[in-house]
N, C-alpha and C. Protein backbone atom coordinates (compact mmCIF):
# COMPACT_ATOMS: atom_id res chain seq x y z
N MET A 1 -66.01 -60.18 29.22
CA MET A 1 -65.72 -59.47 28.78
C MET A 1 -65.17 -58.75 30.18
N ILE A 2 -64.13 -58.42 30.14
CA ILE A 2 -63.22 -57.81 31.26
C ILE A 2 -63.56 -56.31 31.40
N PRO A 3 -64.50 -55.53 32.23
CA PRO A 3 -64.38 -54.52 32.38
C PRO A 3 -63.37 -53.97 32.58
N LEU A 4 -64.08 -51.96 31.38
CA LEU A 4 -62.80 -51.14 31.69
C LEU A 4 -62.25 -51.44 32.82
N GLU A 5 -62.77 -50.41 34.12
CA GLU A 5 -61.63 -50.39 34.71
C GLU A 5 -61.18 -51.39 35.78
N ASN A 6 -60.95 -52.82 35.65
CA ASN A 6 -60.13 -53.52 35.64
C ASN A 6 -58.86 -53.72 34.64
N ILE A 7 -59.18 -52.89 33.79
CA ILE A 7 -57.59 -52.86 33.06
C ILE A 7 -57.26 -51.60 33.80
N SER A 8 -55.78 -51.97 33.41
CA SER A 8 -54.66 -50.93 34.04
C SER A 8 -53.60 -50.85 32.79
N ILE A 9 -53.01 -49.99 32.05
CA ILE A 9 -52.41 -49.45 31.53
C ILE A 9 -51.05 -50.30 31.98
N LEU A 10 -49.62 -50.53 31.31
CA LEU A 10 -48.61 -50.97 31.94
C LEU A 10 -47.85 -49.72 31.76
N ASN A 11 -48.12 -49.75 29.81
CA ASN A 11 -46.67 -49.07 28.94
C ASN A 11 -47.72 -48.00 28.50
N THR A 12 -46.63 -47.00 29.13
CA THR A 12 -47.25 -44.91 29.48
C THR A 12 -47.46 -44.47 27.40
N SER A 13 -46.20 -45.54 27.19
CA SER A 13 -46.56 -44.73 25.64
C SER A 13 -46.54 -45.83 24.67
N VAL A 14 -47.67 -46.47 24.32
CA VAL A 14 -48.95 -46.23 23.49
C VAL A 14 -49.19 -45.74 22.63
N THR A 15 -49.39 -45.92 21.51
CA THR A 15 -49.80 -45.43 20.14
C THR A 15 -51.12 -45.18 19.96
N LEU A 16 -51.20 -44.66 19.27
CA LEU A 16 -53.16 -44.61 18.91
C LEU A 16 -53.30 -45.94 17.67
N PRO A 17 -52.23 -45.60 16.68
CA PRO A 17 -52.04 -47.15 15.61
C PRO A 17 -51.85 -48.36 16.67
N ASP A 18 -51.16 -48.16 17.31
CA ASP A 18 -51.32 -49.52 18.13
C ASP A 18 -52.12 -49.98 19.02
N ILE A 19 -53.07 -49.79 19.60
CA ILE A 19 -54.33 -49.20 19.96
C ILE A 19 -55.37 -50.03 18.80
N ILE A 20 -55.45 -48.76 17.94
CA ILE A 20 -56.03 -49.14 16.58
C ILE A 20 -55.74 -50.70 16.40
N ASP A 21 -54.40 -51.68 16.04
CA ASP A 21 -54.06 -52.27 15.55
C ASP A 21 -54.12 -53.74 16.80
N ASP A 22 -54.20 -53.80 17.83
CA ASP A 22 -53.90 -54.23 18.63
C ASP A 22 -56.15 -54.45 18.19
N LEU A 23 -57.15 -53.47 18.72
CA LEU A 23 -58.51 -53.48 18.73
C LEU A 23 -58.65 -54.44 17.24
N SER A 24 -58.47 -53.69 16.18
CA SER A 24 -58.88 -55.04 14.83
C SER A 24 -57.97 -56.27 15.15
N GLY A 25 -57.42 -56.27 15.47
CA GLY A 25 -57.37 -57.77 16.14
C GLY A 25 -57.64 -59.08 16.49
N TYR A 26 -58.57 -57.99 18.10
CA TYR A 26 -59.78 -58.43 19.01
C TYR A 26 -60.80 -58.33 18.05
N LEU A 27 -61.28 -57.48 17.76
CA LEU A 27 -62.23 -57.84 16.64
C LEU A 27 -62.17 -58.59 15.62
N ARG A 28 -61.17 -59.21 15.30
CA ARG A 28 -60.81 -59.94 13.65
C ARG A 28 -60.81 -61.63 14.51
N CYS A 29 -60.52 -61.73 15.07
CA CYS A 29 -60.35 -62.87 16.34
C CYS A 29 -62.40 -63.19 16.63
N GLN A 30 -63.21 -62.16 17.26
CA GLN A 30 -63.90 -62.76 17.89
C GLN A 30 -65.14 -62.94 15.99
N LYS A 31 -64.74 -62.79 15.33
CA LYS A 31 -65.48 -62.51 13.94
C LYS A 31 -65.14 -63.73 13.67
N GLN A 32 -64.02 -64.92 13.63
CA GLN A 32 -63.18 -65.59 13.67
C GLN A 32 -64.56 -67.21 13.89
N MET A 33 -64.22 -66.78 15.37
CA MET A 33 -65.17 -67.56 16.53
C MET A 33 -66.48 -67.59 15.70
N GLY A 34 -66.94 -66.27 14.79
CA GLY A 34 -68.71 -66.74 14.81
C GLY A 34 -68.89 -65.27 15.81
N LEU A 35 -68.85 -64.73 16.14
CA LEU A 35 -69.03 -63.24 16.72
C LEU A 35 -69.61 -62.05 15.45
N THR A 36 -71.05 -61.79 15.28
CA THR A 36 -71.27 -61.27 14.42
C THR A 36 -72.02 -60.14 14.38
N ARG A 37 -72.59 -59.93 15.68
CA ARG A 37 -72.94 -58.81 16.38
C ARG A 37 -72.65 -58.69 17.24
N VAL A 38 -72.56 -56.89 17.86
CA VAL A 38 -72.10 -56.92 19.75
C VAL A 38 -72.86 -55.50 20.22
N THR A 39 -73.32 -56.07 20.50
CA THR A 39 -74.32 -54.68 21.39
C THR A 39 -73.42 -53.34 22.01
N LEU A 40 -73.86 -52.57 22.34
CA LEU A 40 -73.28 -51.65 22.67
C LEU A 40 -74.33 -51.08 23.19
N SER A 41 -74.07 -50.07 24.85
CA SER A 41 -74.30 -49.39 25.52
C SER A 41 -74.61 -48.21 24.29
N ALA A 42 -76.22 -47.07 25.27
CA ALA A 42 -76.01 -45.64 24.15
C ALA A 42 -75.35 -44.78 24.68
N ARG A 43 -74.24 -45.20 25.54
CA ARG A 43 -73.56 -44.08 25.60
C ARG A 43 -71.87 -44.71 24.02
N SER A 44 -71.88 -45.58 24.54
CA SER A 44 -71.33 -45.81 23.26
C SER A 44 -71.23 -45.72 22.21
N LEU A 45 -72.01 -45.86 21.75
CA LEU A 45 -72.96 -45.04 20.62
C LEU A 45 -72.96 -44.33 20.37
N ASP A 46 -73.29 -43.33 21.59
CA ASP A 46 -72.47 -41.33 20.94
C ASP A 46 -71.29 -41.66 21.10
N ILE A 47 -70.43 -42.72 21.74
CA ILE A 47 -68.51 -41.87 21.78
C ILE A 47 -68.03 -42.67 20.29
N LEU A 48 -68.78 -43.46 19.68
CA LEU A 48 -68.62 -43.91 18.78
C LEU A 48 -68.89 -43.07 17.10
N ALA A 49 -70.11 -42.37 17.05
CA ALA A 49 -71.14 -41.18 17.04
C ALA A 49 -69.79 -40.23 16.74
N ALA A 50 -69.36 -39.76 17.97
CA ALA A 50 -68.12 -38.34 18.14
C ALA A 50 -67.10 -38.59 17.37
N TRP A 51 -66.89 -39.57 17.03
CA TRP A 51 -65.57 -40.24 16.97
C TRP A 51 -65.26 -39.61 15.08
N GLY A 52 -63.72 -38.89 15.32
CA GLY A 52 -64.10 -38.04 14.07
C GLY A 52 -64.41 -36.32 14.01
N ARG A 53 -65.12 -36.25 15.24
CA ARG A 53 -66.10 -35.21 15.41
C ARG A 53 -65.09 -33.62 16.19
N PRO A 54 -64.52 -32.64 16.31
CA PRO A 54 -63.40 -31.60 16.91
C PRO A 54 -64.57 -31.95 18.43
N VAL A 55 -63.84 -31.61 19.21
CA VAL A 55 -64.27 -31.70 20.45
C VAL A 55 -65.05 -30.63 20.96
N VAL A 56 -65.93 -30.48 21.58
CA VAL A 56 -66.96 -29.42 21.67
C VAL A 56 -67.22 -29.03 23.48
N PRO A 57 -66.58 -27.99 24.04
CA PRO A 57 -67.17 -28.30 24.68
C PRO A 57 -68.09 -28.26 25.23
N ARG A 58 -68.79 -28.48 26.41
CA ARG A 58 -70.19 -29.24 27.08
C ARG A 58 -70.82 -27.63 27.12
N LYS A 59 -71.56 -27.68 27.27
CA LYS A 59 -72.02 -26.30 27.69
C LYS A 59 -72.60 -26.59 29.24
N PRO A 60 -73.21 -25.18 29.49
CA PRO A 60 -73.97 -25.81 31.16
C PRO A 60 -75.23 -26.26 30.73
N PHE A 61 -75.67 -26.42 31.39
CA PHE A 61 -77.34 -27.05 31.82
C PHE A 61 -77.62 -25.27 31.96
N ARG A 62 -78.98 -25.02 32.30
CA ARG A 62 -79.84 -23.23 33.06
C ARG A 62 -81.07 -23.60 32.78
N HIS A 63 -81.38 -23.15 33.84
CA HIS A 63 -83.04 -23.23 34.13
C HIS A 63 -83.93 -22.20 34.84
N ALA A 64 -84.51 -20.96 34.24
CA ALA A 64 -85.26 -20.82 35.64
C ALA A 64 -86.76 -21.37 35.32
N GLY A 65 -87.39 -20.84 36.01
CA GLY A 65 -88.88 -20.48 36.96
C GLY A 65 -89.13 -22.25 37.74
N PRO A 66 -90.02 -22.42 38.32
CA PRO A 66 -90.69 -23.09 39.37
C PRO A 66 -90.24 -24.85 39.04
N ALA A 67 -89.68 -25.73 39.98
CA ALA A 67 -89.68 -26.71 39.04
C ALA A 67 -90.60 -27.62 39.51
N SER A 68 -91.45 -27.28 39.29
CA SER A 68 -93.24 -27.96 39.64
C SER A 68 -93.99 -27.11 38.23
N SER A 69 -93.27 -26.63 36.79
CA SER A 69 -93.97 -26.33 36.59
C SER A 69 -94.77 -27.62 35.28
N ASN A 70 -96.78 -27.25 35.62
CA ASN A 70 -96.73 -27.96 33.89
C ASN A 70 -95.99 -27.81 32.49
N VAL A 71 -96.28 -26.21 32.50
CA VAL A 71 -95.09 -26.04 30.96
C VAL A 71 -93.42 -25.84 31.00
N VAL A 72 -92.84 -26.53 30.65
CA VAL A 72 -91.21 -26.42 30.59
C VAL A 72 -91.47 -26.29 28.47
N LEU A 73 -90.74 -24.88 28.76
CA LEU A 73 -89.89 -24.41 27.24
C LEU A 73 -88.58 -24.20 27.23
N VAL A 74 -88.11 -25.25 26.18
CA VAL A 74 -86.42 -25.45 26.07
C VAL A 74 -86.21 -24.00 24.75
N ASP A 75 -85.77 -23.60 25.59
CA ASP A 75 -84.66 -22.67 24.64
C ASP A 75 -83.54 -23.08 23.17
N GLY A 76 -82.84 -23.28 22.63
CA GLY A 76 -82.20 -23.72 21.87
C GLY A 76 -81.56 -22.44 21.72
N ALA A 77 -81.02 -21.34 21.50
CA ALA A 77 -80.90 -19.65 21.24
C ALA A 77 -79.79 -20.04 22.87
N ASP A 78 -80.78 -20.16 23.74
CA ASP A 78 -80.01 -20.07 25.41
C ASP A 78 -80.21 -18.42 25.23
N THR A 79 -81.64 -17.86 24.97
CA THR A 79 -81.55 -16.16 25.14
C THR A 79 -82.31 -16.19 26.34
N PHE A 80 -83.10 -17.07 26.74
CA PHE A 80 -84.21 -17.07 28.13
C PHE A 80 -85.04 -15.90 27.77
N PHE A 81 -85.21 -15.00 28.92
CA PHE A 81 -86.00 -13.84 28.93
C PHE A 81 -85.27 -12.54 28.58
N THR A 82 -84.16 -12.54 28.01
CA THR A 82 -83.74 -11.41 27.06
C THR A 82 -83.79 -10.65 26.11
N GLY A 83 -83.49 -9.14 26.19
CA GLY A 83 -83.53 -8.66 24.90
C GLY A 83 -85.10 -8.51 23.79
N GLU A 84 -85.16 -8.25 22.82
CA GLU A 84 -86.32 -8.47 22.13
C GLU A 84 -87.20 -9.71 22.01
N ALA A 85 -86.29 -10.68 21.97
CA ALA A 85 -86.37 -12.13 21.56
C ALA A 85 -87.57 -12.36 22.56
N GLY A 86 -86.29 -11.86 24.33
CA GLY A 86 -87.06 -12.56 25.31
C GLY A 86 -88.71 -11.99 26.14
N ALA A 87 -88.60 -10.30 25.22
CA ALA A 87 -89.52 -9.51 25.35
C ALA A 87 -90.95 -9.95 24.38
N LEU A 88 -90.38 -10.37 22.89
CA LEU A 88 -91.78 -11.22 22.92
C LEU A 88 -92.38 -12.56 23.29
N LEU A 89 -90.99 -12.97 23.92
CA LEU A 89 -91.34 -14.86 24.78
C LEU A 89 -92.37 -14.14 25.46
N LYS A 90 -91.88 -12.70 26.77
CA LYS A 90 -93.17 -12.55 27.41
C LYS A 90 -94.70 -12.39 27.06
N LYS A 91 -94.29 -11.83 26.05
CA LYS A 91 -95.83 -11.64 25.43
C LYS A 91 -96.81 -12.46 24.96
N ILE A 92 -96.46 -13.55 23.91
CA ILE A 92 -96.30 -14.72 24.06
C ILE A 92 -97.49 -15.62 25.39
N LEU A 93 -96.51 -15.44 26.08
CA LEU A 93 -96.92 -16.31 27.54
C LEU A 93 -98.60 -15.70 28.09
N ALA A 94 -98.05 -14.15 27.50
CA ALA A 94 -99.23 -13.33 28.47
C ALA A 94 -100.19 -13.83 27.63
N ALA A 95 -100.28 -13.99 26.40
CA ALA A 95 -101.53 -14.51 25.51
C ALA A 95 -102.12 -15.50 25.97
N MET A 96 -101.31 -16.18 25.89
CA MET A 96 -101.93 -18.08 27.00
C MET A 96 -102.21 -17.66 28.02
N LYS A 97 -102.35 -16.65 28.56
CA LYS A 97 -102.74 -17.05 30.28
C LYS A 97 -101.60 -17.48 30.71
N LEU A 98 -99.81 -17.52 30.40
CA LEU A 98 -99.41 -18.03 31.39
C LEU A 98 -98.27 -17.21 32.70
N ALA A 99 -98.36 -17.12 32.98
CA ALA A 99 -97.50 -16.49 34.05
C ALA A 99 -95.95 -16.65 34.18
N GLU A 100 -94.72 -15.39 34.10
CA GLU A 100 -93.43 -15.82 33.67
C GLU A 100 -92.87 -17.34 34.40
N ASP A 101 -94.07 -16.97 35.77
CA ASP A 101 -93.62 -17.33 37.18
C ASP A 101 -93.92 -18.61 37.31
N ASN A 102 -94.69 -18.54 36.09
CA ASN A 102 -95.06 -20.01 36.49
C ASN A 102 -95.45 -21.36 35.39
N ILE A 103 -93.72 -21.04 34.40
CA ILE A 103 -93.51 -21.75 33.82
C ILE A 103 -91.84 -21.86 33.89
N CYS A 104 -91.56 -23.11 33.52
CA CYS A 104 -90.09 -22.73 33.89
C CYS A 104 -89.43 -23.22 32.39
N LEU A 105 -87.71 -22.79 32.20
CA LEU A 105 -87.50 -22.19 30.44
C LEU A 105 -86.41 -22.96 31.29
N CYS A 106 -85.89 -23.56 29.70
CA CYS A 106 -84.26 -24.59 30.24
C CYS A 106 -83.88 -24.35 28.70
N ASN A 107 -82.19 -24.25 29.13
CA ASN A 107 -81.39 -24.51 28.07
C ASN A 107 -81.00 -25.49 27.06
N ALA A 108 -80.78 -25.85 26.40
CA ALA A 108 -80.79 -27.54 25.37
C ALA A 108 -79.41 -27.84 24.77
N PRO A 109 -78.51 -27.49 26.26
CA PRO A 109 -76.97 -27.59 25.40
C PRO A 109 -76.77 -29.76 25.28
N ASP A 110 -77.87 -30.35 25.35
CA ASP A 110 -78.22 -31.62 24.91
C ASP A 110 -78.80 -32.25 25.51
N ALA A 111 -79.53 -33.99 24.70
CA ALA A 111 -80.63 -34.01 24.83
C ALA A 111 -80.27 -35.16 26.68
N GLU A 112 -79.09 -35.32 26.87
CA GLU A 112 -79.01 -36.25 27.95
C GLU A 112 -79.60 -35.23 29.23
N GLN A 113 -78.71 -33.79 29.06
CA GLN A 113 -79.19 -33.36 29.88
C GLN A 113 -80.97 -32.90 30.29
N VAL A 114 -81.12 -32.19 29.35
CA VAL A 114 -83.17 -31.71 29.20
C VAL A 114 -83.10 -32.82 29.36
N PHE A 115 -83.71 -34.10 29.15
CA PHE A 115 -84.54 -34.86 29.29
C PHE A 115 -84.20 -35.91 31.12
N ALA A 116 -82.80 -35.86 31.74
CA ALA A 116 -82.51 -35.88 33.36
C ALA A 116 -83.63 -34.16 33.33
N PHE A 117 -83.48 -32.97 32.93
CA PHE A 117 -84.24 -32.00 33.64
C PHE A 117 -85.74 -32.00 33.16
N LEU A 118 -86.13 -32.61 33.07
CA LEU A 118 -88.11 -33.24 32.17
C LEU A 118 -88.29 -34.34 32.99
N GLN A 119 -86.77 -35.04 33.26
CA GLN A 119 -87.97 -36.37 34.15
C GLN A 119 -88.39 -35.38 36.11
N SER A 120 -87.66 -35.14 36.28
CA SER A 120 -86.85 -34.34 37.56
C SER A 120 -88.66 -33.05 37.56
N VAL A 121 -89.15 -32.28 36.51
CA VAL A 121 -90.04 -31.52 36.48
C VAL A 121 -91.12 -32.24 36.33
N GLN A 122 -91.84 -33.12 35.54
CA GLN A 122 -92.54 -33.83 35.24
C GLN A 122 -93.51 -33.11 34.38
N PRO A 123 -93.63 -31.92 33.37
CA PRO A 123 -94.28 -31.22 32.98
C PRO A 123 -95.13 -31.70 32.02
N VAL A 124 -96.50 -31.20 31.71
CA VAL A 124 -97.98 -31.56 31.10
C VAL A 124 -97.37 -31.29 29.13
N VAL A 125 -96.54 -30.23 29.11
CA VAL A 125 -96.49 -29.49 28.05
C VAL A 125 -94.44 -29.36 27.88
N VAL A 126 -93.66 -29.78 26.80
CA VAL A 126 -92.75 -29.27 26.50
C VAL A 126 -92.68 -28.37 25.39
N ILE A 127 -92.35 -27.01 25.16
CA ILE A 127 -92.82 -26.65 24.17
C ILE A 127 -91.01 -26.41 23.89
N ALA A 128 -90.28 -26.48 22.37
CA ALA A 128 -89.65 -27.01 22.07
C ALA A 128 -89.01 -25.41 20.70
N LEU A 129 -88.49 -24.93 21.65
CA LEU A 129 -87.68 -23.57 20.52
C LEU A 129 -86.59 -23.23 19.88
N GLY A 130 -87.31 -23.06 18.45
CA GLY A 130 -86.12 -23.06 17.79
C GLY A 130 -85.41 -24.39 17.28
N ASP A 131 -84.93 -24.54 16.25
CA ASP A 131 -84.62 -25.73 15.11
C ASP A 131 -83.75 -26.57 15.96
N ARG A 132 -82.53 -25.56 17.23
CA ARG A 132 -81.44 -25.93 17.93
C ARG A 132 -82.32 -27.38 19.12
N ALA A 133 -83.28 -26.61 19.88
CA ALA A 133 -84.14 -27.42 20.39
C ALA A 133 -85.00 -28.02 19.97
N ALA A 134 -85.98 -28.25 18.74
CA ALA A 134 -86.69 -29.18 18.22
C ALA A 134 -85.92 -31.00 18.05
N ARG A 135 -84.48 -30.15 17.86
CA ARG A 135 -84.07 -31.51 17.41
C ARG A 135 -83.63 -31.70 18.47
N ILE A 136 -82.73 -31.30 19.19
CA ILE A 136 -82.44 -31.95 20.46
C ILE A 136 -83.65 -32.60 21.42
N VAL A 137 -84.41 -32.63 21.92
CA VAL A 137 -86.09 -33.02 22.14
C VAL A 137 -86.45 -33.77 21.31
N THR A 138 -86.71 -33.91 19.67
CA THR A 138 -87.30 -34.23 19.75
C THR A 138 -86.49 -35.81 18.87
N GLY A 139 -85.07 -35.21 18.73
CA GLY A 139 -84.38 -36.13 18.26
C GLY A 139 -84.81 -36.33 16.64
N ILE A 140 -85.77 -35.23 15.39
CA ILE A 140 -86.18 -35.17 14.69
C ILE A 140 -85.06 -34.53 13.97
N GLN A 141 -83.96 -34.37 12.93
CA GLN A 141 -82.85 -33.69 12.39
C GLN A 141 -83.64 -32.52 10.97
N LYS A 142 -85.00 -32.53 11.49
CA LYS A 142 -85.02 -31.87 10.26
C LYS A 142 -85.46 -30.17 11.01
N PRO A 143 -85.41 -28.91 10.24
CA PRO A 143 -86.15 -27.71 11.05
C PRO A 143 -87.67 -28.10 11.51
N VAL A 144 -87.47 -27.06 12.57
CA VAL A 144 -88.67 -26.07 13.00
C VAL A 144 -90.02 -26.05 12.35
N ALA A 145 -89.75 -25.28 10.81
CA ALA A 145 -90.71 -25.03 10.20
C ALA A 145 -91.43 -26.92 9.34
N ALA A 146 -90.33 -27.84 9.37
CA ALA A 146 -91.33 -29.08 8.34
C ALA A 146 -91.73 -29.61 9.60
N ILE A 147 -91.49 -29.04 11.30
CA ILE A 147 -92.33 -30.17 11.62
C ILE A 147 -92.51 -29.41 13.05
N ARG A 148 -93.54 -28.12 12.97
CA ARG A 148 -93.83 -27.50 13.71
C ARG A 148 -95.94 -27.80 13.96
N GLY A 149 -96.59 -27.01 14.12
CA GLY A 149 -98.00 -27.46 14.67
C GLY A 149 -98.52 -28.98 14.81
N GLN A 150 -97.76 -29.57 15.45
CA GLN A 150 -97.91 -31.23 16.26
C GLN A 150 -96.97 -31.95 17.42
N PHE A 151 -98.42 -32.26 18.17
CA PHE A 151 -97.37 -32.73 19.47
C PHE A 151 -96.77 -34.00 19.01
N PHE A 152 -95.88 -34.21 19.31
CA PHE A 152 -94.86 -35.34 19.82
C PHE A 152 -94.36 -36.25 20.79
N GLU A 153 -94.93 -37.48 20.78
CA GLU A 153 -94.81 -37.93 22.61
C GLU A 153 -93.33 -38.58 22.44
N ILE A 154 -91.98 -37.99 23.25
CA ILE A 154 -90.93 -38.40 23.78
C ILE A 154 -91.28 -38.87 24.61
N ARG A 155 -90.01 -39.99 25.06
CA ARG A 155 -89.88 -40.37 26.02
C ARG A 155 -91.20 -39.72 27.33
N GLY A 156 -92.43 -39.93 26.89
CA GLY A 156 -93.62 -39.53 27.76
C GLY A 156 -94.17 -38.43 27.61
N PHE A 157 -93.03 -37.37 26.77
CA PHE A 157 -93.50 -36.11 27.09
C PHE A 157 -93.65 -35.58 25.99
N SER A 158 -95.23 -34.22 26.04
CA SER A 158 -95.77 -34.07 24.60
C SER A 158 -94.95 -32.95 24.63
N VAL A 159 -94.72 -33.17 23.16
CA VAL A 159 -93.49 -31.76 22.97
C VAL A 159 -94.30 -31.12 21.54
N MET A 160 -94.21 -30.14 21.74
CA MET A 160 -94.71 -29.04 20.85
C MET A 160 -93.79 -28.36 20.40
N PRO A 161 -92.69 -28.29 18.51
CA PRO A 161 -91.91 -27.42 17.95
C PRO A 161 -92.17 -26.50 17.89
N THR A 162 -91.86 -25.18 18.26
CA THR A 162 -92.24 -24.32 16.86
C THR A 162 -91.07 -23.14 16.98
N PHE A 163 -90.97 -22.28 16.45
CA PHE A 163 -90.50 -20.95 16.02
C PHE A 163 -89.65 -20.27 16.89
N HIS A 164 -88.26 -20.10 17.76
CA HIS A 164 -88.24 -19.42 18.12
C HIS A 164 -88.11 -18.30 18.15
N PRO A 165 -89.04 -17.30 19.69
CA PRO A 165 -89.54 -15.25 19.25
C PRO A 165 -88.21 -14.80 18.02
N SER A 166 -87.03 -15.60 18.22
CA SER A 166 -85.98 -14.68 17.75
C SER A 166 -86.24 -15.13 16.20
N GLN A 167 -86.53 -15.95 15.64
CA GLN A 167 -87.18 -15.68 14.22
C GLN A 167 -87.89 -15.25 14.04
N LEU A 168 -89.00 -15.50 14.89
CA LEU A 168 -90.09 -13.92 14.35
C LEU A 168 -90.02 -12.95 14.52
N LEU A 169 -88.78 -12.03 15.14
CA LEU A 169 -88.35 -10.93 14.74
C LEU A 169 -87.40 -11.05 13.36
N LYS A 170 -87.12 -11.92 12.58
CA LYS A 170 -86.14 -11.67 11.54
C LYS A 170 -87.75 -12.05 10.47
N ASP A 171 -88.70 -12.69 11.16
CA ASP A 171 -89.68 -12.68 9.85
C ASP A 171 -91.08 -12.92 10.59
N PRO A 172 -91.66 -11.35 11.15
CA PRO A 172 -92.56 -11.49 11.89
C PRO A 172 -94.12 -12.44 11.09
N GLY A 173 -93.91 -13.12 9.54
CA GLY A 173 -95.12 -13.82 8.81
C GLY A 173 -95.13 -15.08 9.78
N LEU A 174 -94.08 -15.81 11.09
CA LEU A 174 -94.15 -17.01 11.59
C LEU A 174 -94.98 -16.81 12.56
N LYS A 175 -95.28 -15.42 13.27
CA LYS A 175 -96.36 -15.13 14.13
C LYS A 175 -97.19 -16.08 14.62
N ARG A 176 -98.39 -15.86 12.98
CA ARG A 176 -99.58 -17.03 13.09
C ARG A 176 -99.16 -18.45 13.44
N SER A 177 -98.44 -19.04 12.80
CA SER A 177 -97.96 -19.61 12.92
C SER A 177 -97.63 -20.93 14.63
N VAL A 178 -97.03 -19.83 15.35
CA VAL A 178 -96.65 -20.30 16.21
C VAL A 178 -97.73 -20.01 17.81
N TRP A 179 -98.73 -18.86 17.44
CA TRP A 179 -100.34 -19.12 17.82
C TRP A 179 -100.55 -19.71 17.62
N GLU A 180 -100.63 -20.55 16.37
CA GLU A 180 -101.35 -21.76 15.91
C GLU A 180 -101.34 -22.83 17.42
N ASP A 181 -99.84 -23.03 17.54
CA ASP A 181 -99.00 -24.00 18.06
C ASP A 181 -99.50 -23.49 19.59
N MET A 182 -99.67 -22.67 19.89
CA MET A 182 -99.75 -22.38 21.37
C MET A 182 -101.01 -22.57 22.11
N GLN A 183 -101.84 -22.06 20.28
CA GLN A 183 -103.33 -22.25 21.38
C GLN A 183 -103.59 -24.35 21.27
N GLN A 184 -103.10 -24.56 20.47
CA GLN A 184 -103.03 -26.71 20.99
C GLN A 184 -102.01 -26.70 22.57
N VAL A 185 -101.02 -25.87 22.70
CA VAL A 185 -100.12 -25.97 24.01
C VAL A 185 -101.70 -25.65 24.72
N MET A 186 -102.17 -24.64 25.25
CA MET A 186 -103.22 -24.41 25.70
C MET A 186 -104.38 -24.92 26.79
N GLN A 187 -104.57 -25.91 24.79
CA GLN A 187 -106.05 -26.88 24.69
C GLN A 187 -104.99 -28.44 25.97
N ILE A 188 -103.97 -28.63 25.43
CA ILE A 188 -103.63 -29.94 26.20
C ILE A 188 -102.95 -29.62 27.71
N ASN A 189 -102.77 -28.15 27.55
CA ASN A 189 -102.76 -28.20 29.41
C ASN A 189 -103.65 -27.28 30.04
N GLY A 190 -105.30 -27.14 29.56
CA GLY A 190 -105.86 -26.70 30.18
C GLY A 190 -106.07 -25.15 30.15
N ILE A 191 -105.82 -24.69 29.70
CA ILE A 191 -106.35 -23.64 29.74
C ILE A 191 -107.40 -22.76 28.70
N VAL A 192 -108.23 -22.65 29.25
CA VAL A 192 -108.92 -22.01 28.01
C VAL A 192 -108.77 -20.67 26.83
N SER A 193 -108.87 -21.71 25.84
CA SER A 193 -108.19 -20.28 24.65
C SER A 193 -109.23 -19.24 23.77
């Protein structure tokens, strides 16, 4: 197979239908020669999965706190310590005997950026806050309500999905569930509960 960087386009007026016809012809030829399976890289699979979807600009990755923390919170709502949700998160951390400056918090633009960051930090535990963060970190396409309360071993990290503090503000009845999740986090992190 010819590497893409070695291919030069001579005709700049190639249309999408021309490209599709050429690719279809190439794949038909490969099939006739007996090739029935194609190995694709993870990046190629991501590109194929994105075909037909509108292009959404990639959010920048952000983090706060020491990059040597035992606990990393992945904030699916990208609110960090702001507003009422941020104040509630600070209260939860205080109840866990975790100082705000001893934990690391990052947003969740996509799994690639989050896991690159986690690889650099190597935390003891990762807490995925909210549906978006839980889906990105665990890869499980279910709401937090369906998967919270248990650790998942994902790429070598212990991940606890739980409700985002903004959800607790809307439904205070979820606070007990979050506290149960945080008690498990405290045990795995060696914090006395």
